[in-house]
Amino acid sequence: MAACSESRAEVQEPIVFYDGECGLCNRFVQFVLDQDTRGRVCLAPLQGETFRERCPDQGRPDLSTVLLLEGGRLYDRSGAALRVLRRLRWPWPWLGRLGLLIPRPVRDWGYDRVAARRYRWFGAAEACRLPSPAERARLLP
């Protein structure tokens, strides 16, 4: 499996796709960059070329959800977020596994409530922190 720091054409999964304009999604991206100390997770906006190239059969993306491309499978909503947690430093993997014990309909119901209000609660991402060179290699177009 290629790491995010290798040529973008060679980048393998996992890739987190997120709404590039959402304030909550921006915070999630910053959180992943900070907590994924091994640099195993790549990130790309749903509005970007990486999503169009890797998920051509998806058509226009649903911007109200985060997606995770992992093992050739596309996870969405709470399943995607919890699987991302499993790749971060402790205690997040433990919490990600614990969260997966909650039935998906219940998890996704809560996820959808937050997603519907995310712009009202967190606003739009007007500016992002300037990524370090190592972080920049993990941010795909």
N, C-alpha and C. Protein backbone atom coordinates (compact mmCIF):
# COMPACT_ATOMS: atom_id res chain seq x y z
N MET A 1 0.84 -1.18 0.00
CA MET A 1 0.00 0.00 0.00
C MET A 1 0.89 1.24 0.00
N ALA A 2 0.65 2.14 -0.92
CA ALA A 2 1.43 3.37 -1.00
C ALA A 2 1.00 4.33 0.09
N ALA A 3 1.94 5.06 0.59
CA ALA A 3 1.63 6.07 1.61
C ALA A 3 1.19 7.34 0.94
N CYS A 4 0.58 8.22 1.71
CA CYS A 4 0.12 9.49 1.17
C CYS A 4 1.26 10.35 0.66
N SER A 5 2.44 10.17 1.21
CA SER A 5 3.57 11.00 0.82
C SER A 5 4.15 10.62 -0.53
N GLU A 6 3.74 9.48 -1.08
CA GLU A 6 4.25 9.06 -2.39
C GLU A 6 3.50 9.84 -3.48
N SER A 7 3.87 9.60 -4.71
CA SER A 7 3.23 10.27 -5.85
C SER A 7 1.72 10.16 -5.73
N ARG A 8 1.03 11.25 -6.00
CA ARG A 8 -0.43 11.23 -5.87
C ARG A 8 -1.08 10.21 -6.78
N ALA A 9 -0.48 9.92 -7.91
CA ALA A 9 -1.02 8.92 -8.82
C ALA A 9 -0.95 7.53 -8.19
N GLU A 10 -0.03 7.32 -7.24
CA GLU A 10 0.16 6.03 -6.61
C GLU A 10 -0.54 5.91 -5.26
N VAL A 11 -1.15 6.98 -4.78
CA VAL A 11 -1.76 6.97 -3.46
C VAL A 11 -2.85 5.91 -3.38
N GLN A 12 -2.76 5.11 -2.36
CA GLN A 12 -3.75 4.06 -2.12
C GLN A 12 -4.70 4.52 -1.02
N GLU A 13 -5.55 3.64 -0.65
CA GLU A 13 -6.53 3.91 0.39
C GLU A 13 -5.86 3.75 1.75
N PRO A 14 -6.39 4.27 2.80
CA PRO A 14 -7.69 4.92 2.92
C PRO A 14 -7.64 6.40 2.54
N ILE A 15 -8.74 6.84 1.97
CA ILE A 15 -8.91 8.26 1.66
C ILE A 15 -10.22 8.72 2.26
N VAL A 16 -10.15 9.79 3.03
CA VAL A 16 -11.35 10.40 3.60
C VAL A 16 -11.78 11.52 2.66
N PHE A 17 -13.03 11.47 2.22
CA PHE A 17 -13.60 12.52 1.39
C PHE A 17 -14.56 13.33 2.27
N TYR A 18 -14.45 14.65 2.20
CA TYR A 18 -15.21 15.53 3.07
C TYR A 18 -15.68 16.75 2.28
N ASP A 19 -16.66 17.47 2.82
CA ASP A 19 -17.14 18.71 2.22
C ASP A 19 -16.09 19.78 2.46
N GLY A 20 -15.47 20.25 1.40
CA GLY A 20 -14.38 21.21 1.51
C GLY A 20 -14.80 22.60 1.96
N GLU A 21 -16.09 22.84 2.09
CA GLU A 21 -16.57 24.17 2.49
C GLU A 21 -17.19 24.20 3.88
N CYS A 22 -17.34 23.06 4.50
CA CYS A 22 -18.02 22.94 5.79
C CYS A 22 -17.05 23.18 6.95
N GLY A 23 -17.45 24.01 7.89
CA GLY A 23 -16.63 24.29 9.06
C GLY A 23 -16.41 23.06 9.93
N LEU A 24 -17.43 22.24 10.13
CA LEU A 24 -17.29 21.02 10.93
C LEU A 24 -16.35 20.04 10.22
N CYS A 25 -16.51 19.90 8.92
CA CYS A 25 -15.62 19.01 8.16
C CYS A 25 -14.18 19.49 8.23
N ASN A 26 -13.98 20.80 8.16
CA ASN A 26 -12.64 21.37 8.27
C ASN A 26 -12.03 21.02 9.63
N ARG A 27 -12.82 21.10 10.68
CA ARG A 27 -12.33 20.73 12.01
C ARG A 27 -11.99 19.24 12.08
N PHE A 28 -12.81 18.42 11.43
CA PHE A 28 -12.54 16.98 11.39
C PHE A 28 -11.22 16.70 10.67
N VAL A 29 -10.98 17.39 9.55
CA VAL A 29 -9.73 17.23 8.80
C VAL A 29 -8.54 17.62 9.67
N GLN A 30 -8.65 18.75 10.37
CA GLN A 30 -7.56 19.19 11.24
C GLN A 30 -7.33 18.17 12.36
N PHE A 31 -8.40 17.63 12.90
CA PHE A 31 -8.31 16.61 13.94
C PHE A 31 -7.58 15.37 13.42
N VAL A 32 -7.95 14.91 12.23
CA VAL A 32 -7.29 13.73 11.65
C VAL A 32 -5.82 14.00 11.42
N LEU A 33 -5.49 15.17 10.87
CA LEU A 33 -4.09 15.51 10.63
C LEU A 33 -3.29 15.50 11.94
N ASP A 34 -3.89 16.00 13.00
CA ASP A 34 -3.20 16.05 14.30
C ASP A 34 -3.08 14.68 14.96
N GLN A 35 -4.10 13.84 14.82
CA GLN A 35 -4.15 12.57 15.54
C GLN A 35 -3.60 11.38 14.75
N ASP A 36 -3.46 11.51 13.45
CA ASP A 36 -2.91 10.43 12.63
C ASP A 36 -1.41 10.64 12.52
N THR A 37 -0.71 10.33 13.60
CA THR A 37 0.73 10.62 13.68
C THR A 37 1.57 9.78 12.72
N ARG A 38 1.02 8.69 12.23
CA ARG A 38 1.75 7.86 11.27
C ARG A 38 1.49 8.28 9.82
N GLY A 39 0.56 9.22 9.62
CA GLY A 39 0.26 9.70 8.27
C GLY A 39 -0.33 8.64 7.37
N ARG A 40 -1.19 7.80 7.92
CA ARG A 40 -1.77 6.70 7.15
C ARG A 40 -3.03 7.08 6.40
N VAL A 41 -3.68 8.17 6.78
CA VAL A 41 -4.95 8.56 6.18
C VAL A 41 -4.73 9.77 5.26
N CYS A 42 -5.19 9.65 4.02
CA CYS A 42 -5.17 10.78 3.09
C CYS A 42 -6.54 11.44 3.13
N LEU A 43 -6.59 12.70 2.75
CA LEU A 43 -7.84 13.46 2.80
C LEU A 43 -8.03 14.20 1.49
N ALA A 44 -9.28 14.26 1.03
CA ALA A 44 -9.58 14.95 -0.22
C ALA A 44 -11.01 15.48 -0.16
N PRO A 45 -11.25 16.68 -0.70
CA PRO A 45 -12.61 17.21 -0.69
C PRO A 45 -13.52 16.45 -1.67
N LEU A 46 -14.78 16.34 -1.31
CA LEU A 46 -15.76 15.71 -2.19
C LEU A 46 -15.88 16.48 -3.50
N GLN A 47 -15.55 17.77 -3.47
CA GLN A 47 -15.66 18.61 -4.66
C GLN A 47 -14.42 18.51 -5.55
N GLY A 48 -13.43 17.71 -5.18
CA GLY A 48 -12.14 17.69 -5.86
C GLY A 48 -11.99 16.61 -6.91
N GLU A 49 -10.86 16.68 -7.60
CA GLU A 49 -10.57 15.73 -8.68
C GLU A 49 -10.30 14.33 -8.17
N THR A 50 -9.74 14.19 -6.98
CA THR A 50 -9.47 12.85 -6.45
C THR A 50 -10.77 12.07 -6.29
N PHE A 51 -11.81 12.71 -5.78
CA PHE A 51 -13.10 12.03 -5.64
C PHE A 51 -13.64 11.63 -7.01
N ARG A 52 -13.58 12.53 -7.97
CA ARG A 52 -14.08 12.22 -9.32
C ARG A 52 -13.29 11.07 -9.95
N GLU A 53 -11.98 11.02 -9.71
CA GLU A 53 -11.16 9.95 -10.28
C GLU A 53 -11.37 8.61 -9.59
N ARG A 54 -11.45 8.63 -8.26
CA ARG A 54 -11.54 7.38 -7.49
C ARG A 54 -12.96 6.83 -7.39
N CYS A 55 -13.96 7.69 -7.54
CA CYS A 55 -15.35 7.26 -7.36
C CYS A 55 -16.22 7.74 -8.53
N PRO A 56 -15.85 7.40 -9.77
CA PRO A 56 -16.57 7.94 -10.93
C PRO A 56 -18.03 7.51 -11.01
N ASP A 57 -18.36 6.35 -10.46
CA ASP A 57 -19.73 5.87 -10.52
C ASP A 57 -20.64 6.49 -9.46
N GLN A 58 -20.09 7.35 -8.59
CA GLN A 58 -20.87 7.98 -7.53
C GLN A 58 -21.63 9.20 -8.02
N GLY A 59 -21.25 9.75 -9.18
CA GLY A 59 -21.93 10.95 -9.67
C GLY A 59 -21.66 12.13 -8.76
N ARG A 60 -22.66 12.98 -8.63
CA ARG A 60 -22.53 14.16 -7.77
C ARG A 60 -22.56 13.72 -6.31
N PRO A 61 -21.55 14.09 -5.55
CA PRO A 61 -21.48 13.60 -4.16
C PRO A 61 -22.48 14.28 -3.24
N ASP A 62 -22.90 13.55 -2.23
CA ASP A 62 -23.74 14.08 -1.17
C ASP A 62 -22.82 14.80 -0.20
N LEU A 63 -22.88 16.13 -0.19
CA LEU A 63 -21.98 16.92 0.64
C LEU A 63 -22.33 16.88 2.12
N SER A 64 -23.42 16.23 2.48
CA SER A 64 -23.81 16.17 3.90
C SER A 64 -23.16 15.01 4.63
N THR A 65 -22.27 14.30 3.98
CA THR A 65 -21.64 13.15 4.62
C THR A 65 -20.15 13.11 4.35
N VAL A 66 -19.45 12.46 5.25
CA VAL A 66 -18.04 12.15 5.05
C VAL A 66 -18.01 10.73 4.48
N LEU A 67 -17.09 10.49 3.56
CA LEU A 67 -16.94 9.17 2.96
C LEU A 67 -15.53 8.67 3.23
N LEU A 68 -15.40 7.36 3.35
CA LEU A 68 -14.10 6.74 3.52
C LEU A 68 -13.96 5.64 2.48
N LEU A 69 -12.95 5.77 1.64
CA LEU A 69 -12.62 4.74 0.67
C LEU A 69 -11.53 3.88 1.29
N GLU A 70 -11.88 2.63 1.59
CA GLU A 70 -10.97 1.73 2.29
C GLU A 70 -11.21 0.30 1.81
N GLY A 71 -10.16 -0.35 1.39
CA GLY A 71 -10.29 -1.73 0.95
C GLY A 71 -11.21 -1.89 -0.24
N GLY A 72 -11.26 -0.89 -1.10
CA GLY A 72 -12.12 -0.94 -2.27
C GLY A 72 -13.59 -0.69 -1.98
N ARG A 73 -13.89 -0.39 -0.74
CA ARG A 73 -15.29 -0.16 -0.33
C ARG A 73 -15.45 1.29 0.12
N LEU A 74 -16.61 1.85 -0.16
CA LEU A 74 -16.90 3.23 0.21
C LEU A 74 -17.87 3.22 1.39
N TYR A 75 -17.40 3.73 2.53
CA TYR A 75 -18.22 3.84 3.74
C TYR A 75 -18.73 5.27 3.85
N ASP A 76 -19.89 5.44 4.44
CA ASP A 76 -20.42 6.80 4.60
C ASP A 76 -20.89 7.04 6.03
N ARG A 77 -21.16 8.30 6.30
CA ARG A 77 -21.73 8.76 7.56
C ARG A 77 -20.99 8.23 8.78
N SER A 78 -21.72 7.69 9.75
CA SER A 78 -21.08 7.27 11.00
C SER A 78 -20.09 6.14 10.78
N GLY A 79 -20.37 5.24 9.86
CA GLY A 79 -19.45 4.14 9.58
C GLY A 79 -18.10 4.65 9.12
N ALA A 80 -18.11 5.67 8.27
CA ALA A 80 -16.86 6.26 7.79
C ALA A 80 -16.11 6.94 8.93
N ALA A 81 -16.80 7.77 9.69
CA ALA A 81 -16.16 8.51 10.77
C ALA A 81 -15.55 7.57 11.82
N LEU A 82 -16.28 6.53 12.19
CA LEU A 82 -15.77 5.60 13.19
C LEU A 82 -14.60 4.77 12.66
N ARG A 83 -14.62 4.42 11.40
CA ARG A 83 -13.49 3.69 10.82
C ARG A 83 -12.24 4.57 10.73
N VAL A 84 -12.43 5.86 10.52
CA VAL A 84 -11.29 6.78 10.54
C VAL A 84 -10.69 6.82 11.94
N LEU A 85 -11.53 6.88 12.97
CA LEU A 85 -11.04 6.92 14.35
C LEU A 85 -10.15 5.72 14.65
N ARG A 86 -10.45 4.58 14.06
CA ARG A 86 -9.66 3.37 14.31
C ARG A 86 -8.24 3.48 13.80
N ARG A 87 -7.93 4.44 12.96
CA ARG A 87 -6.59 4.61 12.40
C ARG A 87 -5.77 5.69 13.11
N LEU A 88 -6.35 6.32 14.11
CA LEU A 88 -5.68 7.41 14.81
C LEU A 88 -4.97 6.89 16.06
N ARG A 89 -4.29 7.80 16.78
CA ARG A 89 -3.58 7.36 17.99
C ARG A 89 -4.58 7.19 19.13
N TRP A 90 -4.12 6.46 20.16
CA TRP A 90 -4.96 6.16 21.32
C TRP A 90 -5.46 7.43 21.96
N PRO A 91 -6.72 7.51 22.40
CA PRO A 91 -7.73 6.47 22.62
C PRO A 91 -8.71 6.31 21.47
N TRP A 92 -8.48 6.99 20.37
CA TRP A 92 -9.47 7.03 19.29
C TRP A 92 -9.78 5.66 18.68
N PRO A 93 -8.81 4.77 18.48
CA PRO A 93 -9.17 3.44 17.93
C PRO A 93 -10.16 2.69 18.83
N TRP A 94 -9.94 2.80 20.11
CA TRP A 94 -10.83 2.15 21.07
C TRP A 94 -12.24 2.73 20.97
N LEU A 95 -12.34 4.06 20.90
CA LEU A 95 -13.64 4.71 20.79
C LEU A 95 -14.32 4.39 19.46
N GLY A 96 -13.52 4.29 18.39
CA GLY A 96 -14.08 3.92 17.09
C GLY A 96 -14.69 2.52 17.11
N ARG A 97 -14.00 1.59 17.73
CA ARG A 97 -14.52 0.22 17.84
C ARG A 97 -15.76 0.18 18.73
N LEU A 98 -15.72 0.91 19.82
CA LEU A 98 -16.86 0.97 20.72
C LEU A 98 -18.08 1.55 20.00
N GLY A 99 -17.87 2.61 19.23
CA GLY A 99 -18.97 3.23 18.50
C GLY A 99 -19.60 2.31 17.49
N LEU A 100 -18.81 1.41 16.90
CA LEU A 100 -19.36 0.47 15.92
C LEU A 100 -20.29 -0.56 16.55
N LEU A 101 -20.27 -0.66 17.89
CA LEU A 101 -21.20 -1.57 18.58
C LEU A 101 -22.62 -1.02 18.59
N ILE A 102 -22.76 0.28 18.42
CA ILE A 102 -24.09 0.90 18.37
C ILE A 102 -24.69 0.57 17.00
N PRO A 103 -25.94 0.14 16.96
CA PRO A 103 -26.55 -0.20 15.67
C PRO A 103 -26.47 0.96 14.68
N ARG A 104 -26.14 0.62 13.43
CA ARG A 104 -25.96 1.65 12.42
C ARG A 104 -27.15 2.60 12.26
N PRO A 105 -28.39 2.12 12.26
CA PRO A 105 -29.51 3.07 12.13
C PRO A 105 -29.52 4.13 13.23
N VAL A 106 -29.14 3.75 14.44
CA VAL A 106 -29.10 4.70 15.55
C VAL A 106 -27.95 5.68 15.35
N ARG A 107 -26.75 5.15 15.00
CA ARG A 107 -25.59 6.01 14.74
C ARG A 107 -25.88 7.00 13.62
N ASP A 108 -26.43 6.50 12.52
CA ASP A 108 -26.67 7.37 11.37
C ASP A 108 -27.79 8.37 11.63
N TRP A 109 -28.74 8.03 12.47
CA TRP A 109 -29.79 8.98 12.84
C TRP A 109 -29.13 10.19 13.53
N GLY A 110 -28.25 9.93 14.49
CA GLY A 110 -27.54 11.02 15.16
C GLY A 110 -26.64 11.78 14.21
N TYR A 111 -25.93 11.07 13.34
CA TYR A 111 -25.06 11.70 12.36
C TYR A 111 -25.87 12.65 11.48
N ASP A 112 -27.02 12.19 11.01
CA ASP A 112 -27.86 13.01 10.13
C ASP A 112 -28.39 14.26 10.83
N ARG A 113 -28.67 14.16 12.13
CA ARG A 113 -29.15 15.34 12.88
C ARG A 113 -28.07 16.42 12.91
N VAL A 114 -26.82 16.00 13.16
CA VAL A 114 -25.71 16.96 13.19
C VAL A 114 -25.45 17.50 11.79
N ALA A 115 -25.44 16.61 10.78
CA ALA A 115 -25.15 17.03 9.40
C ALA A 115 -26.15 18.06 8.91
N ALA A 116 -27.39 17.94 9.30
CA ALA A 116 -28.42 18.88 8.85
C ALA A 116 -28.23 20.27 9.45
N ARG A 117 -27.51 20.36 10.55
CA ARG A 117 -27.33 21.64 11.23
C ARG A 117 -25.89 22.14 11.23
N ARG A 118 -25.02 21.44 10.53
CA ARG A 118 -23.59 21.73 10.60
C ARG A 118 -23.22 23.13 10.17
N TYR A 119 -23.83 23.66 9.13
CA TYR A 119 -23.49 25.02 8.70
C TYR A 119 -23.99 26.05 9.71
N ARG A 120 -25.14 25.78 10.29
CA ARG A 120 -25.68 26.69 11.30
C ARG A 120 -24.81 26.70 12.55
N TRP A 121 -24.36 25.53 12.96
CA TRP A 121 -23.57 25.42 14.19
C TRP A 121 -22.09 25.74 14.00
N PHE A 122 -21.53 25.35 12.86
CA PHE A 122 -20.08 25.47 12.66
C PHE A 122 -19.69 26.43 11.54
N GLY A 123 -20.66 26.89 10.75
CA GLY A 123 -20.38 27.83 9.67
C GLY A 123 -19.64 27.18 8.52
N ALA A 124 -19.19 28.03 7.61
CA ALA A 124 -18.41 27.58 6.46
C ALA A 124 -16.93 27.76 6.77
N ALA A 125 -16.12 26.95 6.14
CA ALA A 125 -14.67 27.06 6.32
C ALA A 125 -14.17 28.23 5.49
N GLU A 126 -13.93 29.34 6.13
CA GLU A 126 -13.48 30.54 5.41
C GLU A 126 -11.97 30.53 5.22
N ALA A 127 -11.27 29.92 6.13
CA ALA A 127 -9.81 29.83 6.04
C ALA A 127 -9.35 28.55 6.73
N CYS A 128 -8.32 27.98 6.21
CA CYS A 128 -7.76 26.77 6.79
C CYS A 128 -6.34 27.06 7.24
N ARG A 129 -5.86 26.27 8.20
CA ARG A 129 -4.48 26.46 8.63
C ARG A 129 -3.55 26.07 7.48
N LEU A 130 -2.42 26.68 7.44
CA LEU A 130 -1.43 26.35 6.43
C LEU A 130 -0.79 25.02 6.83
N PRO A 131 -0.94 23.99 5.99
CA PRO A 131 -0.41 22.68 6.38
C PRO A 131 1.11 22.63 6.28
N SER A 132 1.68 21.80 7.12
CA SER A 132 3.12 21.55 7.05
C SER A 132 3.39 20.75 5.77
N PRO A 133 4.66 20.64 5.36
CA PRO A 133 4.96 19.83 4.17
C PRO A 133 4.47 18.38 4.29
N ALA A 134 4.60 17.79 5.47
CA ALA A 134 4.13 16.42 5.67
C ALA A 134 2.62 16.33 5.56
N GLU A 135 1.91 17.32 6.10
CA GLU A 135 0.45 17.34 6.00
C GLU A 135 0.02 17.60 4.57
N ARG A 136 0.71 18.48 3.88
CA ARG A 136 0.37 18.83 2.50
C ARG A 136 0.38 17.59 1.62
N ALA A 137 1.30 16.66 1.87
CA ALA A 137 1.38 15.44 1.07
C ALA A 137 0.15 14.55 1.27
N ARG A 138 -0.55 14.73 2.38
CA ARG A 138 -1.73 13.92 2.68
C ARG A 138 -3.02 14.54 2.21
N LEU A 139 -2.97 15.81 1.80
CA LEU A 139 -4.15 16.53 1.32
C LEU A 139 -4.18 16.42 -0.20
N LEU A 140 -5.11 15.65 -0.71
CA LEU A 140 -5.21 15.41 -2.14
C LEU A 140 -6.16 16.43 -2.78
N PRO A 141 -5.97 16.70 -4.06
CA PRO A 141 -6.86 17.68 -4.72
C PRO A 141 -8.27 17.16 -4.90
